[in-house]
Protein backbone atom coordinates (compact mmCIF):
# COMPACT_ATOMS: atom_id res chain seq x y z
CA MET A 1 5.96 3.84 12.74
CA ASN A 2 7.66 4.06 9.34
CA GLY A 3 10.21 6.77 10.14
CA TYR A 4 8.97 9.29 7.59
CA LYS A 5 7.79 12.77 8.49
CA LEU A 6 4.43 13.92 7.13
CA ASN A 7 6.02 16.29 4.62
CA GLU A 8 8.12 13.40 3.24
CA ILE A 9 5.12 11.22 2.40
CA VAL A 10 2.32 13.59 1.39
CA GLY A 11 1.64 13.12 -2.31
CA LYS A 12 3.83 10.01 -2.60
CA LYS A 13 2.67 6.59 -3.77
CA PRO A 14 2.53 3.70 -1.28
CA ASN A 15 5.22 1.85 -3.23
CA MET A 16 7.79 3.98 -1.42
CA LEU A 17 7.29 1.53 1.47
CA GLN A 18 8.04 -1.52 -0.66
CA GLY A 19 11.35 -3.32 -0.86
CA VAL A 20 13.13 -6.41 -2.10
CA ASP A 21 11.01 -8.88 -0.13
CA THR A 22 7.64 -7.26 -0.88
CA CYS A 23 5.64 -9.96 -2.68
CA LYS A 24 5.06 -9.03 -6.33
CA GLU A 25 2.07 -11.40 -6.55
CA THR A 26 0.40 -9.61 -3.63
CA LEU A 27 0.95 -6.30 -5.39
CA LYS A 28 -0.79 -7.73 -8.47
CA VAL A 29 -3.76 -8.82 -6.34
CA ILE A 30 -4.05 -5.32 -4.90
CA ARG A 31 -3.71 -3.66 -8.32
CA MET A 32 -6.33 -5.91 -9.94
CA ALA A 33 -8.80 -5.49 -7.07
CA ILE A 34 -8.50 -1.71 -7.21
CA GLU A 35 -8.87 -1.65 -10.99
CA ASN A 36 -11.97 -3.86 -10.76
CA LYS A 37 -13.34 -2.02 -7.72
CA GLN A 38 -13.39 -5.25 -5.71
CA LYS A 39 -12.83 -5.82 -2.03
CA PHE A 40 -9.59 -7.50 -1.03
CA GLU A 41 -7.64 -8.49 2.03
CA VAL A 42 -3.92 -9.17 1.89
CA THR A 43 -0.87 -8.95 4.08
CA ILE A 44 1.97 -7.00 2.54
CA LEU A 45 5.57 -6.60 3.65
CA ASN A 46 6.60 -2.95 3.88
CA TYR A 47 9.73 -1.16 4.99
CA ARG A 48 10.60 1.82 7.16
CA LYS A 49 12.62 4.78 5.96
CA ASP A 50 15.79 3.08 7.21
CA ARG A 51 14.79 0.02 5.11
CA SER A 52 14.15 -2.19 8.16
CA LEU A 53 10.92 -4.21 8.09
CA ILE A 54 7.72 -2.78 9.50
């Protein structure tokens, strides 16, 4: 789906799928929820290896 092979993504952070139009506010919501061990539901814009939108 994202164009990466398993060996290209193992051990990497999810931010490798982010790009110029990924919402910074949504990223803050995710970060805060994880830090506070809270549930969250968001929609985030991610990119494929070729930088096209997923």
